[in-house]
PDB file of N, CA and C in Angstrom:
ATOM      1  N   UNK A   1     -10.579  12.502  16.755  1.00  0.00           N
ATOM      2  CA  UNK A   1      -9.796  11.666  15.868  1.00  0.00           C
ATOM      3  C   UNK A   1      -8.451  12.369  15.624  1.00  0.00           C
ATOM      4  N   UNK A   2      -7.354  11.644  15.790  1.00  0.00           N
ATOM      5  CA  UNK A   2      -6.056  12.271  15.587  1.00  0.00           C
ATOM      6  C   UNK A   2      -5.630  12.199  14.115  1.00  0.00           C
ATOM      7  N   UNK A   3      -4.506  12.829  13.823  1.00  0.00           N
ATOM      8  CA  UNK A   3      -4.008  12.967  12.454  1.00  0.00           C
ATOM      9  C   UNK A   3      -3.837  11.611  11.754  1.00  0.00           C
ATOM     10  N   UNK A   4      -3.185  10.660  12.408  1.00  0.00           N
ATOM     11  CA  UNK A   4      -2.937   9.359  11.775  1.00  0.00           C
ATOM     12  C   UNK A   4      -4.240   8.608  11.520  1.00  0.00           C
ATOM     13  N   UNK A   5      -5.207   8.756  12.422  1.00  0.00           N
ATOM     14  CA  UNK A   5      -6.509   8.114  12.215  1.00  0.00           C
ATOM     15  C   UNK A   5      -7.229   8.731  11.012  1.00  0.00           C
ATOM     16  N   UNK A   6      -7.105  10.038  10.846  1.00  0.00           N
ATOM     17  CA  UNK A   6      -7.717  10.706   9.694  1.00  0.00           C
ATOM     18  C   UNK A   6      -7.064  10.253   8.390  1.00  0.00           C
ATOM     19  N   UNK A   7      -5.747  10.105   8.408  1.00  0.00           N
ATOM     20  CA  UNK A   7      -5.040   9.623   7.207  1.00  0.00           C
ATOM     21  C   UNK A   7      -5.543   8.225   6.858  1.00  0.00           C
ATOM     22  N   UNK A   8      -5.620   7.339   7.839  1.00  0.00           N
ATOM     23  CA  UNK A   8      -6.090   5.974   7.585  1.00  0.00           C
ATOM     24  C   UNK A   8      -7.514   5.963   7.046  1.00  0.00           C
ATOM     25  N   UNK A   9      -8.377   6.776   7.628  1.00  0.00           N
ATOM     26  CA  UNK A   9      -9.766   6.850   7.179  1.00  0.00           C
ATOM     27  C   UNK A   9      -9.836   7.396   5.753  1.00  0.00           C
ATOM     28  N   UNK A  10      -9.041   8.408   5.443  1.00  0.00           N
ATOM     29  CA  UNK A  10      -9.010   8.969   4.093  1.00  0.00           C
ATOM     30  C   UNK A  10      -8.509   7.971   3.057  1.00  0.00           C
ATOM     31  N   UNK A  11      -7.481   7.222   3.404  1.00  0.00           N
ATOM     32  CA  UNK A  11      -6.959   6.193   2.494  1.00  0.00           C
ATOM     33  C   UNK A  11      -8.006   5.103   2.295  1.00  0.00           C
ATOM     34  N   UNK A  12      -8.656   4.686   3.381  1.00  0.00           N
ATOM     35  CA  UNK A  12      -9.735   3.693   3.262  1.00  0.00           C
ATOM     36  C   UNK A  12     -10.844   4.188   2.350  1.00  0.00           C
ATOM     37  N   UNK A  13     -11.212   5.443   2.502  1.00  0.00           N
ATOM     38  CA  UNK A  13     -12.264   6.013   1.664  1.00  0.00           C
ATOM     39  C   UNK A  13     -11.861   5.959   0.193  1.00  0.00           C
ATOM     40  N   UNK A  14     -10.648   6.389  -0.132  1.00  0.00           N
ATOM     41  CA  UNK A  14     -10.185   6.348  -1.520  1.00  0.00           C
ATOM     42  C   UNK A  14     -10.109   4.914  -2.045  1.00  0.00           C
ATOM     43  N   UNK A  15      -9.769   3.981  -1.187  1.00  0.00           N
ATOM     44  CA  UNK A  15      -9.699   2.576  -1.598  1.00  0.00           C
ATOM     45  C   UNK A  15     -11.065   2.001  -1.937  1.00  0.00           C
ATOM     46  N   UNK A  16     -12.119   2.620  -1.417  1.00  0.00           N
ATOM     47  CA  UNK A  16     -13.465   2.103  -1.623  1.00  0.00           C
ATOM     48  C   UNK A  16     -14.300   2.919  -2.614  1.00  0.00           C
ATOM     49  N   UNK A  17     -13.713   3.934  -3.225  1.00  0.00           N
ATOM     50  CA  UNK A  17     -14.441   4.711  -4.231  1.00  0.00           C
ATOM     51  C   UNK A  17     -14.722   3.810  -5.426  1.00  0.00           C
ATOM     52  N   UNK A  18     -15.955   3.808  -5.880  1.00  0.00           N
ATOM     53  CA  UNK A  18     -16.362   2.890  -6.943  1.00  0.00           C
ATOM     54  C   UNK A  18     -16.246   3.471  -8.342  1.00  0.00           C
ATOM     55  N   UNK A  19     -15.464   4.507  -8.494  1.00  0.00           N
ATOM     56  CA  UNK A  19     -15.190   5.073  -9.822  1.00  0.00           C
ATOM     57  C   UNK A  19     -13.765   4.698 -10.191  1.00  0.00           C
ATOM     58  N   UNK A  20     -13.540   4.426 -11.468  1.00  0.00           N
ATOM     59  CA  UNK A  20     -12.195   4.068 -11.920  1.00  0.00           C
ATOM     60  C   UNK A  20     -11.262   5.266 -11.950  1.00  0.00           C
ATOM     61  N   UNK A  21     -11.849   6.447 -12.101  1.00  0.00           N
ATOM     62  CA  UNK A  21     -11.046   7.652 -12.277  1.00  0.00           C
ATOM     63  C   UNK A  21     -11.790   8.844 -11.683  1.00  0.00           C
ATOM     64  N   UNK A  22     -11.046   9.734 -11.049  1.00  0.00           N
ATOM     65  CA  UNK A  22     -11.599  10.957 -10.476  1.00  0.00           C
ATOM     66  C   UNK A  22     -10.713  12.128 -10.860  1.00  0.00           C
ATOM     67  N   UNK A  23     -11.302  13.302 -10.959  1.00  0.00           N
ATOM     68  CA  UNK A  23     -10.466  14.497 -11.059  1.00  0.00           C
ATOM     69  C   UNK A  23      -9.893  14.737  -9.667  1.00  0.00           C
ATOM     70  N   UNK A  24      -8.854  15.535  -9.591  1.00  0.00           N
ATOM     71  CA  UNK A  24      -8.295  15.870  -8.283  1.00  0.00           C
ATOM     72  C   UNK A  24      -9.365  16.545  -7.429  1.00  0.00           C
ATOM     73  N   UNK A  25     -10.169  17.416  -8.044  1.00  0.00           N
ATOM     74  CA  UNK A  25     -11.239  18.106  -7.311  1.00  0.00           C
ATOM     75  C   UNK A  25     -12.251  17.113  -6.745  1.00  0.00           C
ATOM     76  N   UNK A  26     -12.603  16.081  -7.514  1.00  0.00           N
ATOM     77  CA  UNK A  26     -13.545  15.065  -7.028  1.00  0.00           C
ATOM     78  C   UNK A  26     -12.939  14.274  -5.869  1.00  0.00           C
ATOM     79  N   UNK A  27     -11.660  13.960  -5.963  1.00  0.00           N
ATOM     80  CA  UNK A  27     -10.985  13.240  -4.874  1.00  0.00           C
ATOM     81  C   UNK A  27     -10.935  14.102  -3.620  1.00  0.00           C
ATOM     82  N   UNK A  28     -10.601  15.378  -3.785  1.00  0.00           N
ATOM     83  CA  UNK A  28     -10.541  16.296  -2.644  1.00  0.00           C
ATOM     84  C   UNK A  28     -11.930  16.458  -2.027  1.00  0.00           C
ATOM     85  N   UNK A  29     -12.978  16.518  -2.858  1.00  0.00           N
ATOM     86  CA  UNK A  29     -14.349  16.611  -2.350  1.00  0.00           C
ATOM     87  C   UNK A  29     -14.653  15.450  -1.414  1.00  0.00           C
ATOM     88  N   UNK A  30     -14.214  14.264  -1.764  1.00  0.00           N
ATOM     89  CA  UNK A  30     -14.445  13.096  -0.918  1.00  0.00           C
ATOM     90  C   UNK A  30     -13.586  13.164   0.351  1.00  0.00           C
ATOM     91  N   UNK A  31     -12.320  13.544   0.187  1.00  0.00           N
ATOM     92  CA  UNK A  31     -11.418  13.631   1.341  1.00  0.00           C
ATOM     93  C   UNK A  31     -11.897  14.685   2.326  1.00  0.00           C
ATOM     94  N   UNK A  32     -12.559  15.720   1.844  1.00  0.00           N
ATOM     95  CA  UNK A  32     -13.055  16.766   2.736  1.00  0.00           C
ATOM     96  C   UNK A  32     -14.125  16.254   3.698  1.00  0.00           C
ATOM     97  N   UNK A  33     -14.627  15.054   3.492  1.00  0.00           N
ATOM     98  CA  UNK A  33     -15.522  14.456   4.477  1.00  0.00           C
ATOM     99  C   UNK A  33     -14.731  13.931   5.678  1.00  0.00           C
ATOM    100  N   UNK A  34     -13.415  13.817   5.514  1.00  0.00           N
ATOM    101  CA  UNK A  34     -12.515  13.385   6.581  1.00  0.00           C
ATOM    102  C   UNK A  34     -11.807  14.587   7.198  1.00  0.00           C
ATOM    103  N   UNK A  35     -11.337  15.502   6.342  1.00  0.00           N
ATOM    104  CA  UNK A  35     -10.618  16.683   6.810  1.00  0.00           C
ATOM    105  C   UNK A  35     -10.711  17.795   5.770  1.00  0.00           C
ATOM    106  N   UNK A  36     -10.676  19.028   6.253  1.00  0.00           N
ATOM    107  CA  UNK A  36     -10.615  20.183   5.340  1.00  0.00           C
ATOM    108  C   UNK A  36      -9.239  20.827   5.398  1.00  0.00           C
ATOM    109  N   UNK A  37      -8.324  20.236   6.125  1.00  0.00           N
ATOM    110  CA  UNK A  37      -6.958  20.735   6.235  1.00  0.00           C
ATOM    111  C   UNK A  37      -6.193  20.374   4.959  1.00  0.00           C
ATOM    112  N   UNK A  38      -5.720  21.380   4.186  1.00  0.00           N
ATOM    113  CA  UNK A  38      -5.033  21.102   2.922  1.00  0.00           C
ATOM    114  C   UNK A  38      -3.770  20.254   3.088  1.00  0.00           C
ATOM    115  N   UNK A  39      -3.035  20.455   4.159  1.00  0.00           N
ATOM    116  CA  UNK A  39      -1.823  19.669   4.393  1.00  0.00           C
ATOM    117  C   UNK A  39      -2.175  18.206   4.638  1.00  0.00           C
ATOM    118  N   UNK A  40      -3.208  17.973   5.416  1.00  0.00           N
ATOM    119  CA  UNK A  40      -3.641  16.608   5.695  1.00  0.00           C
ATOM    120  C   UNK A  40      -4.243  15.958   4.447  1.00  0.00           C
ATOM    121  N   UNK A  41      -4.921  16.753   3.630  1.00  0.00           N
ATOM    122  CA  UNK A  41      -5.455  16.237   2.366  1.00  0.00           C
ATOM    123  C   UNK A  41      -4.322  15.727   1.485  1.00  0.00           C
ATOM    124  N   UNK A  42      -3.248  16.514   1.369  1.00  0.00           N
ATOM    125  CA  UNK A  42      -2.076  16.080   0.592  1.00  0.00           C
ATOM    126  C   UNK A  42      -1.455  14.826   1.200  1.00  0.00           C
ATOM    127  N   UNK A  43      -1.406  14.787   2.522  1.00  0.00           N
ATOM    128  CA  UNK A  43      -0.850  13.619   3.207  1.00  0.00           C
ATOM    129  C   UNK A  43      -1.671  12.363   2.900  1.00  0.00           C
ATOM    130  N   UNK A  44      -2.979  12.494   2.867  1.00  0.00           N
ATOM    131  CA  UNK A  44      -3.847  11.361   2.536  1.00  0.00           C
ATOM    132  C   UNK A  44      -3.602  10.905   1.103  1.00  0.00           C
ATOM    133  N   UNK A  45      -3.536  11.856   0.164  1.00  0.00           N
ATOM    134  CA  UNK A  45      -3.273  11.497  -1.241  1.00  0.00           C
ATOM    135  C   UNK A  45      -1.907  10.835  -1.386  1.00  0.00           C
ATOM    136  N   UNK A  46      -0.896  11.375  -0.718  1.00  0.00           N
ATOM    137  CA  UNK A  46       0.451  10.796  -0.784  1.00  0.00           C
ATOM    138  C   UNK A  46       0.469   9.382  -0.211  1.00  0.00           C
ATOM    139  N   UNK A  47      -0.175   9.188   0.945  1.00  0.00           N
ATOM    140  CA  UNK A  47      -0.219   7.865   1.578  1.00  0.00           C
ATOM    141  C   UNK A  47      -0.953   6.868   0.682  1.00  0.00           C
ATOM    142  N   UNK A  48      -2.061   7.299   0.086  1.00  0.00           N
ATOM    143  CA  UNK A  48      -2.827   6.413  -0.805  1.00  0.00           C
ATOM    144  C   UNK A  48      -1.994   6.016  -2.018  1.00  0.00           C
ATOM    145  N   UNK A  49      -1.228   6.963  -2.541  1.00  0.00           N
ATOM    146  CA  UNK A  49      -0.379   6.656  -3.699  1.00  0.00           C
ATOM    147  C   UNK A  49       0.757   5.710  -3.302  1.00  0.00           C
ATOM    148  N   UNK A  50       1.399   5.968  -2.181  1.00  0.00           N
ATOM    149  CA  UNK A  50       2.492   5.107  -1.712  1.00  0.00           C
ATOM    150  C   UNK A  50       2.027   3.676  -1.463  1.00  0.00           C
ATOM    151  N   UNK A  51       0.797   3.512  -1.024  1.00  0.00           N
ATOM    152  CA  UNK A  51       0.255   2.178  -0.731  1.00  0.00           C
ATOM    153  C   UNK A  51      -0.356   1.503  -1.952  1.00  0.00           C
ATOM    154  N   UNK A  52      -0.344   2.187  -3.095  1.00  0.00           N
ATOM    155  CA  UNK A  52      -0.882   1.593  -4.314  1.00  0.00           C
ATOM    156  C   UNK A  52      -2.390   1.649  -4.420  1.00  0.00           C
ATOM    157  N   UNK A  53      -3.041   2.473  -3.595  1.00  0.00           N
ATOM    158  CA  UNK A  53      -4.504   2.606  -3.635  1.00  0.00           C
ATOM    159  C   UNK A  53      -4.920   3.441  -4.836  1.00  0.00           C
ATOM    160  N   UNK A  54      -4.124   4.469  -5.145  1.00  0.00           N
ATOM    161  CA  UNK A  54      -4.399   5.350  -6.286  1.00  0.00           C
ATOM    162  C   UNK A  54      -3.120   5.565  -7.078  1.00  0.00           C
ATOM    163  N   UNK A  55      -3.308   6.059  -8.301  1.00  0.00           N
ATOM    164  CA  UNK A  55      -2.206   6.551  -9.120  1.00  0.00           C
ATOM    165  C   UNK A  55      -2.592   7.937  -9.577  1.00  0.00           C
ATOM    166  N   UNK A  56      -1.615   8.823  -9.678  1.00  0.00           N
ATOM    167  CA  UNK A  56      -1.881  10.161 -10.187  1.00  0.00           C
ATOM    168  C   UNK A  56      -1.322  10.233 -11.604  1.00  0.00           C
ATOM    169  N   UNK A  57      -2.159  10.704 -12.514  1.00  0.00           N
ATOM    170  CA  UNK A  57      -1.746  10.793 -13.913  1.00  0.00           C
ATOM    171  C   UNK A  57      -2.417  11.989 -14.572  1.00  0.00           C
ATOM    172  N   UNK A  58      -1.628  12.940 -15.016  1.00  0.00           N
ATOM    173  CA  UNK A  58      -2.118  14.099 -15.775  1.00  0.00           C
ATOM    174  C   UNK A  58      -3.294  14.791 -15.101  1.00  0.00           C
ATOM    175  N   UNK A  59      -3.173  15.064 -13.828  1.00  0.00           N
ATOM    176  CA  UNK A  59      -4.231  15.774 -13.115  1.00  0.00           C
ATOM    177  C   UNK A  59      -5.444  14.936 -12.768  1.00  0.00           C
ATOM    178  N   UNK A  60      -5.341  13.652 -12.922  1.00  0.00           N
ATOM    179  CA  UNK A  60      -6.432  12.733 -12.600  1.00  0.00           C
ATOM    180  C   UNK A  60      -5.971  11.776 -11.505  1.00  0.00           C
ATOM    181  N   UNK A  61      -6.932  11.213 -10.805  1.00  0.00           N
ATOM    182  CA  UNK A  61      -6.675  10.194  -9.799  1.00  0.00           C
ATOM    183  C   UNK A  61      -7.258   8.893 -10.341  1.00  0.00           C
ATOM    184  N   UNK A  62      -6.416   7.899 -10.523  1.00  0.00           N
ATOM    185  CA  UNK A  62      -6.860   6.592 -10.998  1.00  0.00           C
ATOM    186  C   UNK A  62      -6.939   5.664  -9.794  1.00  0.00           C
ATOM    187  N   UNK A  63      -8.086   5.066  -9.596  1.00  0.00           N
ATOM    188  CA  UNK A  63      -8.253   4.169  -8.456  1.00  0.00           C
ATOM    189  C   UNK A  63      -7.874   2.762  -8.859  1.00  0.00           C
ATOM    190  N   UNK A  64      -7.420   2.010  -7.902  1.00  0.00           N
ATOM    191  CA  UNK A  64      -7.046   0.610  -8.129  1.00  0.00           C
ATOM    192  C   UNK A  64      -8.253  -0.242  -7.770  1.00  0.00           C
ATOM    193  N   UNK A  65      -8.871  -0.839  -8.741  1.00  0.00           N
ATOM    194  CA  UNK A  65     -10.118  -1.582  -8.518  1.00  0.00           C
ATOM    195  C   UNK A  65      -9.813  -3.031  -8.138  1.00  0.00           C
ATOM    196  N   UNK A  66      -9.241  -3.225  -6.992  1.00  0.00           N
ATOM    197  CA  UNK A  66      -8.887  -4.568  -6.543  1.00  0.00           C
ATOM    198  C   UNK A  66      -9.984  -5.257  -5.763  1.00  0.00           C
ATOM    199  N   UNK A  67     -11.208  -5.040  -6.105  1.00  0.00           N
ATOM    200  CA  UNK A  67     -12.305  -5.718  -5.421  1.00  0.00           C
ATOM    201  C   UNK A  67     -12.786  -5.007  -4.171  1.00  0.00           C
ATOM    202  N   UNK A  68     -12.267  -3.803  -3.914  1.00  0.00           N
ATOM    203  CA  UNK A  68     -12.720  -3.081  -2.731  1.00  0.00           C
ATOM    204  C   UNK A  68     -13.916  -2.224  -3.101  1.00  0.00           C
ATOM    205  N   UNK A  69     -14.993  -2.426  -2.422  1.00  0.00           N
ATOM    206  CA  UNK A  69     -16.177  -1.603  -2.569  1.00  0.00           C
ATOM    207  C   UNK A  69     -16.954  -1.726  -1.274  1.00  0.00           C
ATOM    208  N   UNK A  70     -17.829  -0.792  -1.053  1.00  0.00           N
ATOM    209  CA  UNK A  70     -18.610  -0.797   0.174  1.00  0.00           C
ATOM    210  C   UNK A  70     -19.849  -1.652  -0.026  1.00  0.00           C
ATOM    211  N   UNK A  71     -20.057  -2.566   0.881  1.00  0.00           N
ATOM    212  CA  UNK A  71     -21.275  -3.379   0.885  1.00  0.00           C
ATOM    213  C   UNK A  71     -22.316  -2.617   1.711  1.00  0.00           C
ATOM    214  N   UNK A  72     -23.293  -2.076   1.013  1.00  0.00           N
ATOM    215  CA  UNK A  72     -24.287  -1.245   1.687  1.00  0.00           C
ATOM    216  C   UNK A  72     -25.066  -2.013   2.751  1.00  0.00           C
ATOM    217  N   UNK A  73     -25.263  -3.291   2.549  1.00  0.00           N
ATOM    218  CA  UNK A  73     -26.038  -4.062   3.514  1.00  0.00           C
ATOM    219  C   UNK A  73     -25.281  -4.315   4.821  1.00  0.00           C
ATOM    220  N   UNK A  74     -23.953  -4.318   4.782  1.00  0.00           N
ATOM    221  CA  UNK A  74     -23.211  -4.594   6.005  1.00  0.00           C
ATOM    222  C   UNK A  74     -22.283  -3.469   6.459  1.00  0.00           C
ATOM    223  N   UNK A  75     -21.832  -2.620   5.557  1.00  0.00           N
ATOM    224  CA  UNK A  75     -20.883  -1.576   5.929  1.00  0.00           C
ATOM    225  C   UNK A  75     -21.514  -0.203   6.119  1.00  0.00           C
ATOM    226  N   UNK A  76     -22.744  -0.019   5.692  1.00  0.00           N
ATOM    227  CA  UNK A  76     -23.422   1.258   5.880  1.00  0.00           C
ATOM    228  C   UNK A  76     -24.495   1.081   6.941  1.00  0.00           C
ATOM    229  N   UNK A  77     -24.386   1.896   7.971  1.00  0.00           N
ATOM    230  CA  UNK A  77     -25.318   1.834   9.096  1.00  0.00           C
ATOM    231  C   UNK A  77     -26.187   3.083   9.053  1.00  0.00           C
ATOM    232  N   UNK A  78     -27.480   2.906   9.228  1.00  0.00           N
ATOM    233  CA  UNK A  78     -28.421   4.031   9.294  1.00  0.00           C
ATOM    234  C   UNK A  78     -28.788   4.262  10.750  1.00  0.00           C
ATOM    235  N   UNK A  79     -28.771   5.535  11.134  1.00  0.00           N
ATOM    236  CA  UNK A  79     -29.171   5.902  12.492  1.00  0.00           C
ATOM    237  C   UNK A  79     -30.159   7.054  12.422  1.00  0.00           C
ATOM    238  N   UNK A  80     -31.166   6.964  13.267  1.00  0.00           N
ATOM    239  CA  UNK A  80     -32.141   8.041  13.372  1.00  0.00           C
ATOM    240  C   UNK A  80     -31.645   9.043  14.406  1.00  0.00           C
ATOM    241  N   UNK A  81     -31.891  10.319  14.153  1.00  0.00           N
ATOM    242  CA  UNK A  81     -31.475  11.359  15.083  1.00  0.00           C
ATOM    243  C   UNK A  81     -31.383  12.694  14.364  1.00  0.00           C
ATOM    244  N   UNK A  82     -30.716  13.632  14.964  1.00  0.00           N
ATOM    245  CA  UNK A  82     -30.492  14.939  14.349  1.00  0.00           C
ATOM    246  C   UNK A  82     -29.031  15.023  13.950  1.00  0.00           C
ATOM    247  N   UNK A  83     -28.785  15.039  12.632  1.00  0.00           N
ATOM    248  CA  UNK A  83     -27.428  15.029  12.105  1.00  0.00           C
ATOM    249  C   UNK A  83     -27.262  16.132  11.074  1.00  0.00           C
ATOM    250  N   UNK A  84     -26.010  16.418  10.764  1.00  0.00           N
ATOM    251  CA  UNK A  84     -25.651  17.316   9.674  1.00  0.00           C
ATOM    252  C   UNK A  84     -24.762  16.534   8.721  1.00  0.00           C
ATOM    253  N   UNK A  85     -25.113  16.509   7.443  1.00  0.00           N
ATOM    254  CA  UNK A  85     -24.358  15.761   6.440  1.00  0.00           C
ATOM    255  C   UNK A  85     -22.930  16.305   6.347  1.00  0.00           C
ATOM    256  N   UNK A  86     -21.952  15.410   6.399  1.00  0.00           N
ATOM    257  CA  UNK A  86     -20.541  15.802   6.324  1.00  0.00           C
ATOM    258  C   UNK A  86     -20.154  16.285   4.927  1.00  0.00           C
ATOM    259  N   UNK A  87     -20.959  15.973   3.936  1.00  0.00           N
ATOM    260  CA  UNK A  87     -20.605  16.397   2.581  1.00  0.00           C
ATOM    261  C   UNK A  87     -21.273  17.715   2.212  1.00  0.00           C
ATOM    262  N   UNK A  88     -22.587  17.814   2.406  1.00  0.00           N
ATOM    263  CA  UNK A  88     -23.310  18.998   1.916  1.00  0.00           C
ATOM    264  C   UNK A  88     -23.792  19.936   3.014  1.00  0.00           C
ATOM    265  N   UNK A  89     -23.745  19.489   4.272  1.00  0.00           N
ATOM    266  CA  UNK A  89     -24.163  20.342   5.375  1.00  0.00           C
ATOM    267  C   UNK A  89     -25.657  20.365   5.653  1.00  0.00           C
ATOM    268  N   UNK A  90     -26.434  19.572   4.937  1.00  0.00           N
ATOM    269  CA  UNK A  90     -27.888  19.545   5.138  1.00  0.00           C
ATOM    270  C   UNK A  90     -28.233  18.872   6.460  1.00  0.00           C
ATOM    271  N   UNK A  91     -29.347  19.309   7.047  1.00  0.00           N
ATOM    272  CA  UNK A  91     -29.853  18.659   8.250  1.00  0.00           C
ATOM    273  C   UNK A  91     -30.464  17.315   7.891  1.00  0.00           C
ATOM    274  N   UNK A  92     -30.242  16.319   8.731  1.00  0.00           N
ATOM    275  CA  UNK A  92     -30.722  14.961   8.463  1.00  0.00           C
ATOM    276  C   UNK A  92     -31.451  14.405   9.674  1.00  0.00           C
ATOM    277  N   UNK A  93     -32.495  13.651   9.416  1.00  0.00           N
ATOM    278  CA  UNK A  93     -33.130  12.904  10.499  1.00  0.00           C
ATOM    279  C   UNK A  93     -32.658  11.445  10.474  1.00  0.00           C
ATOM    280  N   UNK A  94     -32.119  11.018   9.339  1.00  0.00           N
ATOM    281  CA  UNK A  94     -31.504   9.700   9.216  1.00  0.00           C
ATOM    282  C   UNK A  94     -30.095   9.898   8.680  1.00  0.00           C
ATOM    283  N   UNK A  95     -29.123   9.472   9.443  1.00  0.00           N
ATOM    284  CA  UNK A  95     -27.723   9.572   9.027  1.00  0.00           C
ATOM    285  C   UNK A  95     -27.212   8.228   8.552  1.00  0.00           C
ATOM    286  N   UNK A  96     -26.447   8.251   7.472  1.00  0.00           N
ATOM    287  CA  UNK A  96     -25.819   7.048   6.940  1.00  0.00           C
ATOM    288  C   UNK A  96     -24.333   7.120   7.287  1.00  0.00           C
ATOM    289  N   UNK A  97     -23.813   6.083   7.922  1.00  0.00           N
ATOM    290  CA  UNK A  97     -22.426   6.017   8.355  1.00  0.00           C
ATOM    291  C   UNK A  97     -21.753   4.825   7.681  1.00  0.00           C
ATOM    292  N   UNK A  98     -20.537   5.030   7.153  1.00  0.00           N
ATOM    293  CA  UNK A  98     -19.796   3.951   6.510  1.00  0.00           C
ATOM    294  C   UNK A  98     -18.780   3.414   7.505  1.00  0.00           C
ATOM    295  N   UNK A  99     -18.762   2.115   7.658  1.00  0.00           N
ATOM    296  CA  UNK A  99     -17.787   1.467   8.532  1.00  0.00           C
ATOM    297  C   UNK A  99     -16.632   0.923   7.695  1.00  0.00           C
ATOM    298  N   UNK A 100     -15.447   1.473   7.957  1.00  0.00           N
ATOM    299  CA  UNK A 100     -14.215   0.981   7.351  1.00  0.00           C
ATOM    300  C   UNK A 100     -13.403   0.304   8.447  1.00  0.00           C
ATOM    301  N   UNK A 101     -12.354  -0.408   8.081  1.00  0.00           N
ATOM    302  CA  UNK A 101     -11.481  -1.017   9.082  1.00  0.00           C
ATOM    303  C   UNK A 101     -10.874   0.043   9.994  1.00  0.00           C
ATOM    304  N   UNK A 102     -10.573   1.200   9.432  1.00  0.00           N
ATOM    305  CA  UNK A 102      -9.905   2.252  10.194  1.00  0.00           C
ATOM    306  C   UNK A 102     -10.854   3.103  11.028  1.00  0.00           C
ATOM    307  N   UNK A 103     -12.159   2.940  10.837  1.00  0.00           N
ATOM    308  CA  UNK A 103     -13.114   3.727  11.612  1.00  0.00           C
ATOM    309  C   UNK A 103     -14.397   3.962  10.840  1.00  0.00           C
ATOM    310  N   UNK A 104     -15.213   4.815  11.400  1.00  0.00           N
ATOM    311  CA  UNK A 104     -16.528   5.113  10.831  1.00  0.00           C
ATOM    312  C   UNK A 104     -16.529   6.529  10.274  1.00  0.00           C
ATOM    313  N   UNK A 105     -17.159   6.709   9.127  1.00  0.00           N
ATOM    314  CA  UNK A 105     -17.242   8.013   8.482  1.00  0.00           C
ATOM    315  C   UNK A 105     -18.704   8.362   8.254  1.00  0.00           C
ATOM    316  N   UNK A 106     -19.074   9.558   8.619  1.00  0.00           N
ATOM    317  CA  UNK A 106     -20.444  10.010   8.439  1.00  0.00           C
ATOM    318  C   UNK A 106     -20.760  11.069   9.461  1.00  0.00           C
ATOM    319  N   UNK A 107     -21.949  11.500   9.512  1.00  0.00           N
ATOM    320  CA  UNK A 107     -23.141  11.052   8.784  1.00  0.00           C
ATOM    321  C   UNK A 107     -23.242  11.692   7.395  1.00  0.00           C
ATOM    322  N   UNK A 108     -23.964  10.993   6.536  1.00  0.00           N
ATOM    323  CA  UNK A 108     -24.274  11.471   5.201  1.00  0.00           C
ATOM    324  C   UNK A 108     -25.760  11.270   4.938  1.00  0.00           C
ATOM    325  N   UNK A 109     -26.297  12.061   4.026  1.00  0.00           N
ATOM    326  CA  UNK A 109     -27.639  11.824   3.539  1.00  0.00           C
ATOM    327  C   UNK A 109     -27.609  10.696   2.527  1.00  0.00           C
ATOM    328  N   UNK A 110     -28.783  10.224   2.117  1.00  0.00           N
ATOM    329  CA  UNK A 110     -28.852   9.070   1.218  1.00  0.00           C
ATOM    330  C   UNK A 110     -28.210   9.331  -0.141  1.00  0.00           C
ATOM    331  N   UNK A 111     -28.321  10.535  -0.675  1.00  0.00           N
ATOM    332  CA  UNK A 111     -27.688  10.800  -1.970  1.00  0.00           C
ATOM    333  C   UNK A 111     -26.207  11.113  -1.812  1.00  0.00           C
ATOM    334  N   UNK A 112     -25.817  11.769  -0.728  1.00  0.00           N
ATOM    335  CA  UNK A 112     -24.406  12.105  -0.526  1.00  0.00           C
ATOM    336  C   UNK A 112     -23.556  10.868  -0.262  1.00  0.00           C
ATOM    337  N   UNK A 113     -24.087   9.866   0.413  1.00  0.00           N
ATOM    338  CA  UNK A 113     -23.320   8.648   0.658  1.00  0.00           C
ATOM    339  C   UNK A 113     -22.960   7.989  -0.665  1.00  0.00           C
ATOM    340  N   UNK A 114     -23.888   8.028  -1.622  1.00  0.00           N
ATOM    341  CA  UNK A 114     -23.631   7.452  -2.931  1.00  0.00           C
ATOM    342  C   UNK A 114     -22.597   8.274  -3.703  1.00  0.00           C
ATOM    343  N   UNK A 115     -22.661   9.589  -3.594  1.00  0.00           N
ATOM    344  CA  UNK A 115     -21.690  10.442  -4.269  1.00  0.00           C
ATOM    345  C   UNK A 115     -20.295  10.271  -3.692  1.00  0.00           C
ATOM    346  N   UNK A 116     -20.205  10.201  -2.371  1.00  0.00           N
ATOM    347  CA  UNK A 116     -18.903  10.046  -1.717  1.00  0.00           C
ATOM    348  C   UNK A 116     -18.246   8.727  -2.135  1.00  0.00           C
ATOM    349  N   UNK A 117     -19.050   7.691  -2.279  1.00  0.00           N
ATOM    350  CA  UNK A 117     -18.515   6.370  -2.643  1.00  0.00           C
ATOM    351  C   UNK A 117     -18.424   6.162  -4.148  1.00  0.00           C
ATOM    352  N   UNK A 118     -18.877   7.130  -4.924  1.00  0.00           N
ATOM    353  CA  UNK A 118     -18.741   7.031  -6.374  1.00  0.00           C
ATOM    354  C   UNK A 118     -19.802   6.196  -7.048  1.00  0.00           C
ATOM    355  N   UNK A 119     -20.941   6.043  -6.428  1.00  0.00           N
ATOM    356  CA  UNK A 119     -22.021   5.245  -7.023  1.00  0.00           C
ATOM    357  C   UNK A 119     -22.934   6.046  -7.924  1.00  0.00           C
ATOM    358  N   UNK A 120     -22.834   7.368  -7.856  1.00  0.00           N
ATOM    359  CA  UNK A 120     -23.730   8.148  -8.718  1.00  0.00           C
ATOM    360  C   UNK A 120     -22.947   9.094  -9.581  1.00  0.00           C
TER     361      UNK A 120
END
């Protein structure tokens, strides 16, 4: 995946977070499922802000709740196999992958997928 694809995937991820507000650390935790490069992380946050996906206020990230959320029945795909969770690094026999317009993100375990999307 090239740099621009990672930026698009990161912006899509932030657009689909189901929390109204995140700390910068929580936002970075989610972006780290796309990239661990600090420069690219900043680029994703900047792009998301420029596009109106997020607002930054007093060290917090405010999400724009314009009806974007992940539909688990159609946007999350489960696959059997040997995977490593992109969030926590645990070994998985079932990987959960999120399909965004810009691409697919995963694999995640069942609890990490919910944390990444802000459901827990």
